């Protein structure tokens, strides 16, 4: 975004649409109504399910892991508007980057920032759970109380850095996915190194190899403490620890496939690229299904919120009629 805002000449050099003719790629290769319909319907479902979950998580944010989950939930819901709604619409409008370069570039930079916020927060969440499983003292030292918000703020800053300085993924109608190369699919020779930030490349490599290692360590540490947890006399406390572990393990595990971001740097078949898109889409949209399935508290809060919403809608429907009667009489 910094390039777009303050160095327009350089931006025009890298993203010059005069080099191509959009119609060189036939419309039928860019028009994907079935995928667009599926993506938009999933977007609506994910947003509806995520809203009460985020509300419930915020209510119970006294746990450090819930603070991370609240932040991740907000970022996920924002990301779904780009990775879900915008992509779904683009499937209908047969977009390539040069169809609407300014809008697509802005959406791409936002998505890049949000993606890095989310993945960075998930790394800190995994480290938080590792520390909690390894030593309460270590966990308290790094993550007790407001210290958790410090790590969340670091995730936010990392996202802002990527928003400002990293070349974004740009929608490509041929592959129905977002790529750093704006001319992907056209017969144009470019220097890809001009679009790749090596901080981002190393981060992608860390996600592909380092993040799964942290996740594996988290699972091993919990299994080592399982006997100790089962010996806890307080049944509610014991259930809480096991439930939190299952949720966090599934949420963090769900992010392991997001390492498919490495496909930006590898030659892959179109089917694999589309598969990678849906995997990443579910990374952002599937968590509420995990919460509602595994967490009784979140399920209960969701039901209460649904009842309140129904009551509010009912009042809105009734009040206009009452007010009209009052005026007439």
Protein backbone atom coordinates (compact mmCIF):
# COMPACT_ATOMS: atom_id res chain seq x y z
CA UNK A 1 0.00 0.00 0.00
CA UNK A 2 2.93 2.34 0.68
CA UNK A 3 3.95 1.91 -2.97
CA UNK A 4 0.42 2.70 -4.16
CA UNK A 5 0.05 5.77 -1.93
CA UNK A 6 3.47 7.41 -2.13
CA UNK A 7 5.33 5.99 -5.14
CA UNK A 8 2.82 5.95 -7.95
CA UNK A 9 5.45 5.95 -10.70
CA UNK A 10 7.01 2.77 -9.38
CA UNK A 11 3.56 1.26 -8.82
CA UNK A 12 2.68 1.97 -12.46
CA UNK A 13 5.87 0.23 -13.57
CA UNK A 14 5.01 -2.93 -11.64
CA UNK A 15 1.26 -2.96 -12.22
CA UNK A 16 0.95 -1.40 -15.68
CA UNK A 17 -2.17 -2.73 -17.36
CA UNK A 18 -1.21 -1.34 -20.77
CA UNK A 19 0.97 -4.45 -21.16
CA UNK A 20 -2.04 -6.74 -21.57
CA UNK A 21 -5.46 -7.10 -23.13
CA UNK A 22 -7.93 -8.64 -20.69
CA UNK A 23 -9.84 -10.34 -23.49
CA UNK A 24 -6.72 -12.35 -24.36
CA UNK A 25 -8.04 -14.72 -21.70
CA UNK A 26 -11.45 -15.97 -22.94
CA UNK A 27 -14.47 -15.06 -20.80
CA UNK A 28 -15.40 -18.71 -20.21
CA UNK A 29 -12.04 -19.25 -18.50
CA UNK A 30 -12.74 -16.40 -16.07
CA UNK A 31 -16.48 -16.89 -15.44
CA UNK A 32 -17.20 -19.32 -12.58
CA UNK A 33 -20.84 -18.96 -11.41
CA UNK A 34 -21.01 -22.31 -9.58
CA UNK A 35 -17.92 -21.58 -7.50
CA UNK A 36 -19.12 -18.01 -6.97
CA UNK A 37 -22.46 -19.24 -5.61
CA UNK A 38 -20.82 -21.77 -3.28
CA UNK A 39 -18.32 -19.20 -1.99
CA UNK A 40 -20.98 -16.54 -1.28
CA UNK A 41 -23.35 -19.01 0.43
CA UNK A 42 -20.48 -20.22 2.62
CA UNK A 43 -19.59 -16.60 3.41
CA UNK A 44 -23.14 -15.93 4.67
CA UNK A 45 -23.14 -19.15 6.73
CA UNK A 46 -19.72 -18.49 8.26
CA UNK A 47 -20.53 -14.89 9.23
CA UNK A 48 -23.88 -15.87 10.80
CA UNK A 49 -22.28 -18.65 12.85
CA UNK A 50 -19.19 -16.64 13.82
CA UNK A 51 -21.08 -13.63 15.25
CA UNK A 52 -22.49 -15.32 18.41
CA UNK A 53 -19.22 -17.20 18.93
CA UNK A 54 -17.15 -14.00 19.00
CA UNK A 55 -19.73 -12.46 21.36
CA UNK A 56 -19.43 -15.44 23.73
CA UNK A 57 -15.62 -15.56 23.57
CA UNK A 58 -15.47 -11.86 24.48
CA UNK A 59 -17.64 -12.52 27.55
CA UNK A 60 -15.16 -15.14 28.78
CA UNK A 61 -11.93 -13.38 27.85
CA UNK A 62 -10.39 -13.79 31.33
CA UNK A 63 -8.41 -16.75 29.93
CA UNK A 64 -5.38 -15.74 27.87
CA UNK A 65 -6.28 -18.18 25.08
CA UNK A 66 -9.75 -16.63 24.80
CA UNK A 67 -8.20 -13.19 24.32
CA UNK A 68 -6.29 -14.60 21.35
CA UNK A 69 -9.40 -16.36 20.04
CA UNK A 70 -11.42 -13.14 20.26
CA UNK A 71 -8.84 -11.23 18.22
CA UNK A 72 -8.53 -14.09 15.72
CA UNK A 73 -12.32 -14.21 15.41
CA UNK A 74 -12.59 -10.50 14.59
CA UNK A 75 -9.82 -10.80 11.98
CA UNK A 76 -11.39 -13.94 10.50
CA UNK A 77 -14.76 -12.21 10.08
CA UNK A 78 -13.09 -9.25 8.36
CA UNK A 79 -11.03 -11.55 6.14
CA UNK A 80 -14.14 -13.45 5.03
CA UNK A 81 -15.44 -10.29 3.34
CA UNK A 82 -12.42 -10.35 1.01
CA UNK A 83 -11.51 -14.02 0.75
CA UNK A 84 -15.18 -14.97 0.61
CA UNK A 85 -17.58 -12.25 -0.54
CA UNK A 86 -15.21 -10.38 -2.88
CA UNK A 87 -13.88 -13.61 -4.41
CA UNK A 88 -17.43 -14.90 -4.90
CA UNK A 89 -18.48 -11.71 -6.66
CA UNK A 90 -15.33 -11.76 -8.80
CA UNK A 91 -16.24 -15.29 -9.94
CA UNK A 92 -19.43 -13.81 -11.44
CA UNK A 93 -17.83 -10.68 -12.89
CA UNK A 94 -14.95 -12.60 -14.55
CA UNK A 95 -12.32 -10.36 -12.98
CA UNK A 96 -8.65 -10.18 -13.72
CA UNK A 97 -6.41 -7.70 -11.91
CA UNK A 98 -6.55 -5.22 -14.78
CA UNK A 99 -10.37 -5.21 -14.83
CA UNK A 100 -10.36 -2.97 -11.74
CA UNK A 101 -6.70 -2.60 -10.72
CA UNK A 102 -7.16 0.01 -7.98
CA UNK A 103 -9.97 -1.79 -6.14
CA UNK A 104 -8.34 -5.21 -6.49
CA UNK A 105 -4.99 -3.88 -5.25
CA UNK A 106 -6.59 -2.26 -2.18
CA UNK A 107 -8.54 -5.44 -1.37
CA UNK A 108 -5.35 -7.46 -1.84
CA UNK A 109 -3.35 -5.30 0.57
CA UNK A 110 -6.12 -5.52 3.17
CA UNK A 111 -6.26 -9.30 2.79
CA UNK A 112 -2.47 -9.57 3.12
CA UNK A 113 -2.50 -7.56 6.34
CA UNK A 114 -5.42 -9.52 7.83
CA UNK A 115 -3.91 -12.86 6.86
CA UNK A 116 -0.62 -12.01 8.60
CA UNK A 117 -2.44 -10.73 11.69
CA UNK A 118 -4.40 -13.96 11.93
CA UNK A 119 -1.52 -16.37 11.37
CA UNK A 120 0.78 -14.43 13.71
CA UNK A 121 -1.87 -14.45 16.46
CA UNK A 122 -2.28 -18.21 15.95
CA UNK A 123 1.45 -18.68 16.44
CA UNK A 124 1.29 -16.76 19.73
CA UNK A 125 -1.79 -18.77 20.72
CA UNK A 126 0.14 -22.00 20.13
CA UNK A 127 3.08 -20.67 22.17
CA UNK A 128 0.67 -19.65 24.95
CA UNK A 129 -0.74 -23.18 25.11
CA UNK A 130 2.75 -24.70 24.99
CA UNK A 131 3.82 -22.51 27.91
CA UNK A 132 0.67 -23.41 29.85
CA UNK A 133 1.30 -27.13 29.32
CA UNK A 134 5.00 -26.88 30.16
CA UNK A 135 5.04 -24.57 33.20
CA UNK A 136 2.48 -22.36 34.91
CA UNK A 137 5.24 -19.94 35.95
CA UNK A 138 6.45 -19.52 32.37
CA UNK A 139 2.87 -19.15 31.14
CA UNK A 140 2.10 -16.46 33.75
CA UNK A 141 5.34 -14.61 33.02
CA UNK A 142 4.60 -14.24 29.32
CA UNK A 143 0.82 -14.33 29.05
CA UNK A 144 -0.79 -13.39 32.38
CA UNK A 145 -3.44 -10.63 32.28
CA UNK A 146 -2.68 -7.66 30.03
CA UNK A 147 0.54 -9.27 28.77
CA UNK A 148 -1.58 -11.28 26.36
CA UNK A 149 -2.78 -8.04 24.76
CA UNK A 150 0.87 -7.12 24.18
CA UNK A 151 1.29 -10.19 21.94
CA UNK A 152 -1.99 -9.43 20.23
CA UNK A 153 -0.73 -5.90 19.57
CA UNK A 154 2.46 -7.38 18.08
CA UNK A 155 0.27 -9.45 15.74
CA UNK A 156 -1.63 -6.29 14.82
CA UNK A 157 1.61 -4.41 14.07
CA UNK A 158 2.89 -7.29 11.95
CA UNK A 159 -0.34 -7.16 9.97
CA UNK A 160 0.03 -3.40 9.48
CA UNK A 161 3.60 -3.89 8.26
CA UNK A 162 2.41 -6.41 5.69
CA UNK A 163 -0.48 -4.15 4.70
CA UNK A 164 1.93 -1.28 4.01
CA UNK A 165 5.06 -2.90 2.61
CA UNK A 166 4.33 -6.38 1.21
CA UNK A 167 3.24 -6.99 -2.38
CA UNK A 168 -0.34 -8.23 -2.07
CA UNK A 169 -2.07 -11.18 -3.65
CA UNK A 170 -4.27 -10.02 -6.55
CA UNK A 171 -7.35 -11.86 -7.77
CA UNK A 172 -6.88 -13.99 -10.88
CA UNK A 173 -10.05 -15.13 -12.63
CA UNK A 174 -8.37 -18.05 -14.39
CA UNK A 175 -7.40 -19.78 -11.16
CA UNK A 176 -10.01 -18.20 -8.84
CA UNK A 177 -7.30 -17.30 -6.36
CA UNK A 178 -5.03 -14.42 -5.36
CA UNK A 179 -1.44 -14.16 -6.63
CA UNK A 180 1.42 -11.69 -6.19
CA UNK A 181 2.03 -11.73 -9.95
CA UNK A 182 -0.56 -9.35 -11.52
CA UNK A 183 0.00 -10.88 -14.97
CA UNK A 184 -0.43 -14.50 -13.90
CA UNK A 185 -1.95 -16.41 -16.83
CA UNK A 186 -0.67 -14.03 -19.51
CA UNK A 187 2.36 -14.59 -21.73
CA UNK A 188 4.39 -11.74 -20.26
CA UNK A 189 7.95 -12.03 -19.02
CA UNK A 190 8.50 -10.27 -15.70
CA UNK A 191 11.04 -10.38 -12.91
CA UNK A 192 9.13 -12.11 -10.09
CA UNK A 193 11.74 -10.97 -7.57
CA UNK A 194 10.31 -7.46 -7.92
CA UNK A 195 7.03 -8.71 -6.43
CA UNK A 196 8.42 -10.94 -3.69
CA UNK A 197 9.39 -9.46 -0.34
CA UNK A 198 11.93 -11.74 1.31
CA UNK A 199 10.53 -11.05 4.79
CA UNK A 200 7.27 -12.45 3.50
CA UNK A 201 9.01 -15.40 1.84
CA UNK A 202 10.76 -16.37 5.06
CA UNK A 203 7.50 -15.98 6.98
CA UNK A 204 5.74 -18.28 4.50
CA UNK A 205 8.53 -20.83 4.95
CA UNK A 206 8.16 -20.56 8.73
CA UNK A 207 4.42 -21.17 8.42
CA UNK A 208 5.12 -24.21 6.28
CA UNK A 209 7.70 -25.80 8.60
CA UNK A 210 8.02 -23.94 11.94
CA UNK A 211 4.34 -23.58 12.79
CA UNK A 212 3.58 -27.34 12.48
CA UNK A 213 6.56 -28.00 14.77
CA UNK A 214 5.11 -25.71 17.46
CA UNK A 215 1.74 -27.42 17.05
CA UNK A 216 3.31 -30.87 17.47
CA UNK A 217 5.15 -29.69 20.60
CA UNK A 218 1.84 -28.41 22.01
CA UNK A 219 0.17 -31.80 21.47
CA UNK A 220 3.11 -33.69 23.01
CA UNK A 221 3.24 -31.41 26.07
CA UNK A 222 -0.49 -31.82 26.72
CA UNK A 223 -0.29 -35.61 26.37
CA UNK A 224 2.56 -35.67 28.88
CA UNK A 225 0.36 -33.81 31.38
CA UNK A 226 -2.81 -35.78 30.64
CA UNK A 227 -2.51 -38.04 33.70
CA UNK A 228 -2.03 -34.98 35.90
CA UNK A 229 -5.10 -33.32 34.38
CA UNK A 230 -7.24 -36.45 34.79
CA UNK A 231 -6.24 -36.50 38.48
CA UNK A 232 -7.75 -33.04 39.11
CA UNK A 233 -10.47 -33.51 41.74
CA UNK A 234 -12.64 -30.62 40.53
CA UNK A 235 -14.66 -32.12 37.68
CA UNK A 236 -15.57 -28.75 36.15
CA UNK A 237 -11.94 -27.61 36.13
CA UNK A 238 -10.86 -30.92 34.60
CA UNK A 239 -13.51 -30.66 31.88
CA UNK A 240 -12.52 -27.06 31.19
CA UNK A 241 -8.87 -27.94 30.62
CA UNK A 242 -9.70 -30.82 28.30
CA UNK A 243 -12.35 -28.82 26.40
CA UNK A 244 -10.01 -25.86 25.95
CA UNK A 245 -7.28 -28.20 24.72
CA UNK A 246 -9.58 -29.84 22.14
CA UNK A 247 -10.79 -26.46 20.86
CA UNK A 248 -7.34 -24.90 20.66
CA UNK A 249 -5.83 -28.03 19.10
CA UNK A 250 -8.50 -28.00 16.39
CA UNK A 251 -8.25 -24.24 15.77
CA UNK A 252 -4.46 -24.29 15.55
CA UNK A 253 -4.53 -27.54 13.58
CA UNK A 254 -6.97 -25.93 11.16
CA UNK A 255 -4.30 -23.34 10.41
CA UNK A 256 -1.70 -25.94 9.45
CA UNK A 257 -3.17 -26.27 5.92
CA UNK A 258 -2.83 -22.48 5.52
CA UNK A 259 0.81 -23.30 4.86
CA UNK A 260 -0.45 -23.88 1.32
CA UNK A 261 0.33 -20.18 0.97
CA UNK A 262 3.69 -21.55 -0.16
CA UNK A 263 1.94 -22.31 -3.48
CA UNK A 264 2.63 -18.66 -4.32
CA UNK A 265 6.21 -19.74 -4.88
CA UNK A 266 5.64 -23.13 -6.55
CA UNK A 267 4.28 -24.20 -9.95
CA UNK A 268 0.98 -26.03 -9.30
CA UNK A 269 -1.88 -27.42 -11.36
CA UNK A 270 -5.09 -25.37 -11.53
CA UNK A 271 -7.00 -27.97 -9.49
CA UNK A 272 -4.42 -27.79 -6.70
CA UNK A 273 -4.60 -23.98 -6.70
CA UNK A 274 -8.40 -24.13 -6.36
CA UNK A 275 -8.07 -26.75 -3.63
CA UNK A 276 -5.64 -24.45 -1.83
CA UNK A 277 -8.16 -21.61 -2.05
CA UNK A 278 -10.93 -23.63 -0.40
CA UNK A 279 -8.56 -24.92 2.29
CA UNK A 280 -7.58 -21.35 3.19
CA UNK A 281 -11.23 -20.27 3.02
CA UNK A 282 -12.17 -22.90 5.60
CA UNK A 283 -9.28 -21.79 7.80
CA UNK A 284 -11.12 -18.49 8.26
CA UNK A 285 -14.69 -19.80 8.21
CA UNK A 286 -14.66 -23.16 9.98
CA UNK A 287 -13.76 -22.12 13.59
CA UNK A 288 -17.38 -21.29 14.61
CA UNK A 289 -18.41 -24.85 13.74
CA UNK A 290 -15.69 -26.09 16.09
CA UNK A 291 -16.80 -23.74 18.88
CA UNK A 292 -20.49 -24.63 18.56
CA UNK A 293 -19.70 -28.35 18.45
CA UNK A 294 -17.13 -28.56 21.25
CA UNK A 295 -17.97 -25.73 23.65
CA UNK A 296 -21.18 -25.91 25.68
CA UNK A 297 -20.75 -22.38 27.05
CA UNK A 298 -20.48 -20.84 23.59
CA UNK A 299 -23.46 -22.93 22.44
CA UNK A 300 -25.54 -21.65 25.35
CA UNK A 301 -24.52 -18.02 24.75
CA UNK A 302 -25.35 -18.42 21.05
CA UNK A 303 -28.85 -19.68 21.88
CA UNK A 304 -29.40 -16.76 24.28
CA UNK A 305 -28.24 -14.26 21.66
CA UNK A 306 -30.54 -15.87 19.07
CA UNK A 307 -33.51 -15.55 21.44
CA UNK A 308 -32.66 -11.88 22.10
CA UNK A 309 -32.37 -11.23 18.36
CA UNK A 310 -35.73 -12.90 17.70
CA UNK A 311 -37.32 -10.84 20.48
CA UNK A 312 -35.85 -7.61 19.09
CA UNK A 313 -37.09 -8.40 15.57
CA UNK A 314 -40.54 -9.19 16.96
CA UNK A 315 -40.64 -5.86 18.82
CA UNK A 316 -39.57 -3.96 15.69
CA UNK A 317 -42.42 -5.61 13.77
CA UNK A 318 -44.97 -4.85 16.48
CA UNK A 319 -43.97 -1.27 17.38
CA UNK A 320 -44.75 0.38 14.01
CA UNK A 321 -48.31 -0.93 14.16
CA UNK A 322 -48.73 0.30 17.72
CA UNK A 323 -47.35 3.72 16.86
CA UNK A 324 -49.71 4.02 13.87
CA UNK A 325 -52.70 3.14 16.03
CA UNK A 326 -51.67 5.75 18.55
CA UNK A 327 -51.52 8.44 15.88
CA UNK A 328 -54.90 7.47 14.43
CA UNK A 329 -56.61 7.57 17.78
